[in-house]
Amino acid sequence: MTTRREDLKTGRKGSQPPSLPVITLLTDFGTADYFVGAVKGAILSVNTRVVIADITHAIPPQDIETGAFTLLAVYKTFPPGTIHVAVVDPGVGSSRRPIVVSANGQFFVGPDNGLFTYIYDREPSPQVFHVLNENYFRSSPSTTFHGRDIFAPVAAALSTGVKPEDLGPEIDDAVRLPGSFAPIVQKNGNLEARIIHIDRFGNCVTNITREVLKSEKSGSLLVNGKTIRDFRSFYGEDLNKSLFAIWGSAGFLEISINGQSAAHRLSAKRGDIVILSRD
């Protein structure tokens, strides 16, 4: 009979301990106040055997679109069964619904305000459930802190094996952010895309994917009167401080400048139109 230490040395599959459920947190709470700690405490009060992973708590206050993009960029890096708690919730305490989304073998818990729009757009057949079963809430939920009193304990309940259908009915009218996620084909064959995110380095992330632009051998981007024709493989490839396009790590075409802010150079903001011309 082998010992536990011998199993670890040989790397036998049977020696691995059972994996713990993973719950991620994405919020606009910041880290200066007690909010994040309270959410974690509410989760651990239901299930102490979980791994809690912080995605970020630095989403700009009430910025649902940035929260939606950040969740889109990161969720596929987590293992199957992960439960994502996302709270960017300017409508807390109002009639907006608390929901659970089941997609990609994962769960997403948060407010029905468009925060999960990109998950709906990228995943086939997502299921959305309106959370109504108050048995899974903290007692006497605050009208100002559903992250702690509703979303955290609901996520913890899911981590113990509770099914989303036990939390409430499935719905088919979840709120989505305005605008098309995919670029629009114009009459002349060009594509009308848009900037969906600007990161802290000033890179302008468009909604153009490799499925849309299968080849960058030809073509150009037009943004706020400026044309970008150069495509680069990495940031340091261009030393002339000129605008170029590059495939970002989230899978979208970005407009960048090595060492500078492309957004500043373009006077660009989220939502600005990007015309992809296939010259």
Protein backbone atom coordinates (compact mmCIF):
# COMPACT_ATOMS: atom_id res chain seq x y z
CA MET A 1 0.00 0.00 0.00
CA THR A 2 1.37 3.42 -0.95
CA THR A 3 1.35 6.35 1.42
CA ARG A 4 -0.11 9.78 0.74
CA ARG A 5 3.43 11.18 0.43
CA GLU A 6 4.36 8.51 -2.14
CA ASP A 7 1.23 9.30 -4.15
CA LEU A 8 2.17 12.97 -4.23
CA LYS A 9 5.67 12.13 -5.44
CA THR A 10 4.44 9.85 -8.22
CA GLY A 11 1.67 12.27 -9.27
CA ARG A 12 -1.03 9.59 -9.37
CA LYS A 13 -4.42 10.96 -10.32
CA GLY A 14 -6.07 9.29 -7.36
CA SER A 15 -3.87 11.26 -5.00
CA GLN A 16 -5.47 14.60 -5.85
CA PRO A 17 -7.91 15.96 -3.28
CA PRO A 18 -11.43 16.74 -4.49
CA SER A 19 -11.58 20.24 -5.95
CA LEU A 20 -13.35 22.96 -4.03
CA PRO A 21 -16.09 25.08 -5.62
CA VAL A 22 -14.82 28.39 -7.03
CA ILE A 23 -16.73 31.65 -6.52
CA THR A 24 -15.42 34.79 -8.22
CA LEU A 25 -16.22 38.37 -7.31
CA LEU A 26 -16.43 41.31 -9.72
CA THR A 27 -17.73 44.59 -8.30
CA ASP A 28 -17.46 48.36 -8.30
CA PHE A 29 -17.09 48.35 -4.50
CA GLY A 30 -13.43 49.36 -4.31
CA THR A 31 -11.30 48.11 -1.43
CA ALA A 32 -11.35 51.01 1.02
CA ASP A 33 -14.66 50.07 2.64
CA TYR A 34 -16.05 46.94 4.27
CA PHE A 35 -18.18 45.88 1.30
CA VAL A 36 -15.96 43.19 -0.24
CA GLY A 37 -15.18 41.67 3.13
CA ALA A 38 -18.88 41.51 3.98
CA VAL A 39 -19.67 39.71 0.72
CA LYS A 40 -16.97 37.14 1.43
CA GLY A 41 -18.26 36.69 4.95
CA ALA A 42 -21.78 36.06 3.67
CA ILE A 43 -20.47 33.39 1.31
CA LEU A 44 -18.40 31.68 3.99
CA SER A 45 -21.32 31.74 6.43
CA VAL A 46 -23.09 29.34 4.04
CA ASN A 47 -20.14 27.30 2.79
CA THR A 48 -16.65 27.43 4.26
CA ARG A 49 -15.29 25.00 1.69
CA VAL A 50 -15.00 27.33 -1.28
CA VAL A 51 -12.25 29.15 -3.12
CA ILE A 52 -13.07 32.85 -3.46
CA ALA A 53 -11.25 34.59 -6.33
CA ASP A 54 -11.30 38.36 -6.77
CA ILE A 55 -11.53 39.37 -10.43
CA THR A 56 -11.60 43.08 -9.63
CA HIS A 57 -13.34 45.56 -7.37
CA ALA A 58 -12.15 48.56 -9.38
CA ILE A 59 -14.95 48.75 -11.94
CA PRO A 60 -15.84 52.46 -12.16
CA PRO A 61 -18.91 53.15 -9.99
CA GLN A 62 -22.17 52.14 -11.71
CA ASP A 63 -20.33 51.39 -14.99
CA ILE A 64 -22.30 48.37 -16.16
CA GLU A 65 -20.63 48.21 -19.59
CA THR A 66 -17.12 48.02 -18.16
CA GLY A 67 -18.30 45.32 -15.78
CA ALA A 68 -19.85 43.39 -18.67
CA PHE A 69 -16.67 43.57 -20.76
CA THR A 70 -14.41 42.60 -17.86
CA LEU A 71 -16.54 39.56 -17.09
CA LEU A 72 -16.50 38.59 -20.77
CA ALA A 73 -12.72 38.86 -20.92
CA VAL A 74 -12.08 36.61 -17.92
CA TYR A 75 -14.82 34.02 -17.40
CA LYS A 76 -13.46 31.37 -19.75
CA THR A 77 -10.18 31.20 -17.82
CA PHE A 78 -12.04 29.65 -14.86
CA PRO A 79 -12.85 25.93 -14.53
CA PRO A 80 -16.24 24.35 -15.18
CA GLY A 81 -18.67 24.84 -12.33
CA THR A 82 -17.30 28.26 -11.38
CA ILE A 83 -19.86 30.67 -9.90
CA HIS A 84 -19.34 34.31 -10.83
CA VAL A 85 -20.83 36.97 -8.56
CA ALA A 86 -20.95 40.24 -10.48
CA VAL A 87 -22.30 43.33 -8.73
CA VAL A 88 -22.41 46.63 -10.57
CA ASP A 89 -25.84 47.62 -9.47
CA PRO A 90 -27.06 51.22 -9.69
CA GLY A 91 -30.64 49.89 -9.39
CA VAL A 92 -30.13 48.11 -6.08
CA GLY A 93 -33.33 48.11 -4.01
CA SER A 94 -35.52 48.88 -7.04
CA SER A 95 -37.71 46.54 -9.06
CA ARG A 96 -34.76 45.22 -11.10
CA ARG A 97 -34.55 41.45 -10.74
CA PRO A 98 -31.83 39.36 -9.10
CA ILE A 99 -30.89 36.59 -11.52
CA VAL A 100 -28.77 33.49 -12.01
CA VAL A 101 -27.45 32.73 -15.50
CA SER A 102 -26.36 29.23 -16.45
CA ALA A 103 -23.96 29.20 -19.43
CA ASN A 104 -20.71 27.54 -20.48
CA GLY A 105 -21.01 25.10 -17.58
CA GLN A 106 -20.74 28.02 -15.17
CA PHE A 107 -23.12 30.23 -13.18
CA PHE A 108 -23.39 34.03 -13.11
CA VAL A 109 -25.17 35.71 -10.19
CA GLY A 110 -26.11 39.36 -10.10
CA PRO A 111 -28.60 42.05 -11.10
CA ASP A 112 -30.69 41.91 -14.27
CA ASN A 113 -29.42 45.21 -15.66
CA GLY A 114 -27.42 44.18 -18.73
CA LEU A 115 -24.31 43.12 -16.83
CA PHE A 116 -24.43 39.65 -18.43
CA THR A 117 -25.20 40.84 -21.97
CA TYR A 118 -21.95 39.64 -23.49
CA ILE A 119 -22.38 36.22 -21.90
CA TYR A 120 -25.78 35.94 -23.59
CA ASP A 121 -24.22 36.98 -26.90
CA ARG A 122 -21.22 34.67 -26.77
CA GLU A 123 -22.70 31.51 -25.29
CA PRO A 124 -25.26 29.23 -26.99
CA SER A 125 -28.58 28.73 -25.19
CA PRO A 126 -27.89 30.48 -21.86
CA GLN A 127 -30.57 29.95 -19.22
CA VAL A 128 -31.65 32.82 -16.99
CA PHE A 129 -33.51 32.36 -13.71
CA HIS A 130 -35.30 35.04 -11.70
CA VAL A 131 -34.22 34.53 -8.08
CA LEU A 132 -37.32 34.69 -5.90
CA ASN A 133 -36.74 32.03 -3.23
CA GLU A 134 -36.02 34.10 -0.15
CA ASN A 135 -35.03 30.99 1.79
CA TYR A 136 -31.59 31.46 0.24
CA PHE A 137 -31.27 35.16 1.19
CA ARG A 138 -29.81 36.52 4.39
CA SER A 139 -32.50 37.44 6.88
CA SER A 140 -33.95 40.94 6.48
CA PRO A 141 -31.97 41.89 3.35
CA SER A 142 -30.83 45.49 3.16
CA THR A 143 -32.26 47.54 0.28
CA THR A 144 -28.78 48.97 -0.35
CA PHE A 145 -26.55 45.89 -0.18
CA HIS A 146 -27.90 43.02 -2.25
CA GLY A 147 -24.33 41.94 -2.96
CA ARG A 148 -24.04 40.77 0.63
CA ASP A 149 -27.64 39.84 1.39
CA ILE A 150 -28.84 38.20 -1.84
CA PHE A 151 -26.13 37.54 -4.42
CA ALA A 152 -23.47 36.22 -2.02
CA PRO A 153 -25.69 33.67 -0.20
CA VAL A 154 -27.31 32.60 -3.49
CA ALA A 155 -23.86 31.94 -4.96
CA ALA A 156 -22.90 30.03 -1.84
CA ALA A 157 -26.08 27.96 -2.12
CA LEU A 158 -25.19 27.06 -5.71
CA SER A 159 -21.75 25.98 -4.48
CA THR A 160 -23.43 23.45 -2.17
CA GLY A 161 -25.37 21.87 -5.03
CA VAL A 162 -28.59 23.90 -5.06
CA LYS A 163 -29.98 24.02 -8.61
CA PRO A 164 -30.81 27.35 -10.25
CA GLU A 165 -34.39 26.20 -10.84
CA ASP A 166 -34.74 25.86 -7.06
CA LEU A 167 -34.09 29.60 -6.79
CA GLY A 168 -36.82 30.78 -9.11
CA PRO A 169 -38.46 30.47 -12.53
CA GLU A 170 -36.63 30.59 -15.84
CA ILE A 171 -37.20 33.81 -17.81
CA ASP A 172 -36.66 34.78 -21.44
CA ASP A 173 -36.65 38.58 -21.22
CA ALA A 174 -33.35 39.35 -19.49
CA VAL A 175 -32.17 42.95 -19.83
CA ARG A 176 -29.46 43.59 -22.42
CA LEU A 177 -27.20 46.54 -23.07
CA PRO A 178 -28.27 48.64 -26.06
CA GLY A 179 -26.58 48.20 -29.43
CA SER A 180 -25.45 45.21 -31.42
CA PHE A 181 -22.62 43.14 -30.01
CA ALA A 182 -21.44 42.10 -33.48
CA PRO A 183 -20.36 44.58 -36.18
CA ILE A 184 -23.02 45.57 -38.70
CA VAL A 185 -22.51 45.00 -42.43
CA GLN A 186 -23.06 48.20 -44.41
CA LYS A 187 -24.53 48.33 -47.91
CA ASN A 188 -21.06 48.87 -49.41
CA GLY A 189 -19.69 45.78 -47.72
CA ASN A 190 -17.77 47.63 -45.03
CA LEU A 191 -18.33 46.73 -41.39
CA GLU A 192 -19.55 49.18 -38.79
CA ALA A 193 -17.95 48.18 -35.50
CA ARG A 194 -17.55 50.13 -32.29
CA ILE A 195 -15.24 50.60 -29.34
CA ILE A 196 -16.59 48.50 -26.48
CA HIS A 197 -13.86 49.15 -23.92
CA ILE A 198 -10.86 51.39 -23.24
CA ASP A 199 -8.34 49.89 -20.84
CA ARG A 200 -6.10 51.74 -18.39
CA PHE A 201 -3.31 51.92 -20.98
CA GLY A 202 -5.56 53.67 -23.48
CA ASN A 203 -5.95 50.70 -25.82
CA CYS A 204 -9.28 50.88 -27.66
CA VAL A 205 -10.94 47.47 -27.74
CA THR A 206 -13.36 46.99 -30.63
CA ASN A 207 -16.07 44.37 -31.07
CA ILE A 208 -14.23 42.90 -34.07
CA THR A 209 -13.33 39.24 -33.57
CA ARG A 210 -11.21 36.85 -35.63
CA GLU A 211 -14.42 35.31 -36.92
CA VAL A 212 -15.26 38.70 -38.44
CA LEU A 213 -11.77 39.57 -39.69
CA LYS A 214 -10.21 36.29 -40.74
CA SER A 215 -7.29 38.00 -42.47
CA GLU A 216 -5.59 41.30 -41.77
CA LYS A 217 -3.53 41.21 -44.97
CA SER A 218 -5.64 44.03 -46.35
CA GLY A 219 -8.08 46.51 -44.98
CA SER A 220 -8.13 49.54 -42.75
CA LEU A 221 -9.89 50.98 -39.74
CA LEU A 222 -11.41 54.44 -39.66
CA VAL A 223 -11.94 56.03 -36.25
CA ASN A 224 -12.82 59.67 -35.67
CA GLY A 225 -11.36 60.71 -39.00
CA LYS A 226 -8.10 58.80 -38.58
CA THR A 227 -7.20 55.75 -40.67
CA ILE A 228 -5.23 52.80 -39.27
CA ARG A 229 -3.71 50.42 -41.79
CA ASP A 230 -0.94 48.78 -39.78
CA PHE A 231 -1.49 45.45 -38.03
CA ARG A 232 1.06 44.35 -35.43
CA SER A 233 1.79 41.13 -33.56
CA PHE A 234 3.05 42.73 -30.33
CA TYR A 235 3.24 46.22 -28.86
CA GLY A 236 7.02 46.68 -29.15
CA GLU A 237 6.95 45.82 -32.86
CA ASP A 238 6.21 49.47 -33.68
CA LEU A 239 8.70 52.07 -32.45
CA ASN A 240 7.35 55.06 -34.38
CA LYS A 241 4.53 55.91 -31.97
CA SER A 242 1.95 55.42 -34.71
CA LEU A 243 -1.50 53.92 -34.38
CA PHE A 244 -1.81 50.24 -35.17
CA ALA A 245 -4.27 47.36 -34.76
CA ILE A 246 -3.44 44.28 -32.70
CA TRP A 247 -5.31 41.21 -31.48
CA GLY A 248 -5.75 41.62 -27.75
CA SER A 249 -5.75 38.87 -25.16
CA ALA A 250 -9.56 39.02 -24.84
CA GLY A 251 -9.90 37.99 -28.49
CA PHE A 252 -10.88 41.38 -29.92
CA LEU A 253 -9.10 43.71 -32.32
CA GLU A 254 -7.60 46.64 -30.41
CA ILE A 255 -6.23 49.98 -31.57
CA SER A 256 -3.00 50.83 -29.81
CA ILE A 257 0.16 52.94 -29.72
CA ASN A 258 3.36 51.59 -28.23
CA GLY A 259 3.93 53.37 -24.92
CA GLN A 260 1.09 55.87 -25.35
CA SER A 261 -2.69 56.12 -25.17
CA ALA A 262 -4.47 55.38 -28.42
CA ALA A 263 -7.69 56.72 -26.90
CA HIS A 264 -6.03 60.08 -26.26
CA ARG A 265 -4.54 60.21 -29.76
CA LEU A 266 -7.93 59.43 -31.31
CA SER A 267 -9.99 61.50 -28.85
CA ALA A 268 -11.92 58.24 -28.56
CA LYS A 269 -14.49 57.08 -26.07
CA ARG A 270 -16.49 53.91 -25.57
CA GLY A 271 -19.23 53.61 -28.16
CA ASP A 272 -17.36 55.43 -30.93
CA ILE A 273 -17.87 53.95 -34.40
CA VAL A 274 -15.07 52.02 -36.08
CA ILE A 275 -15.41 51.42 -39.83
CA LEU A 276 -13.60 48.33 -41.09
CA SER A 277 -12.93 48.72 -44.79
CA ARG A 278 -11.69 45.66 -46.68
CA ASP A 279 -9.55 47.44 -49.27
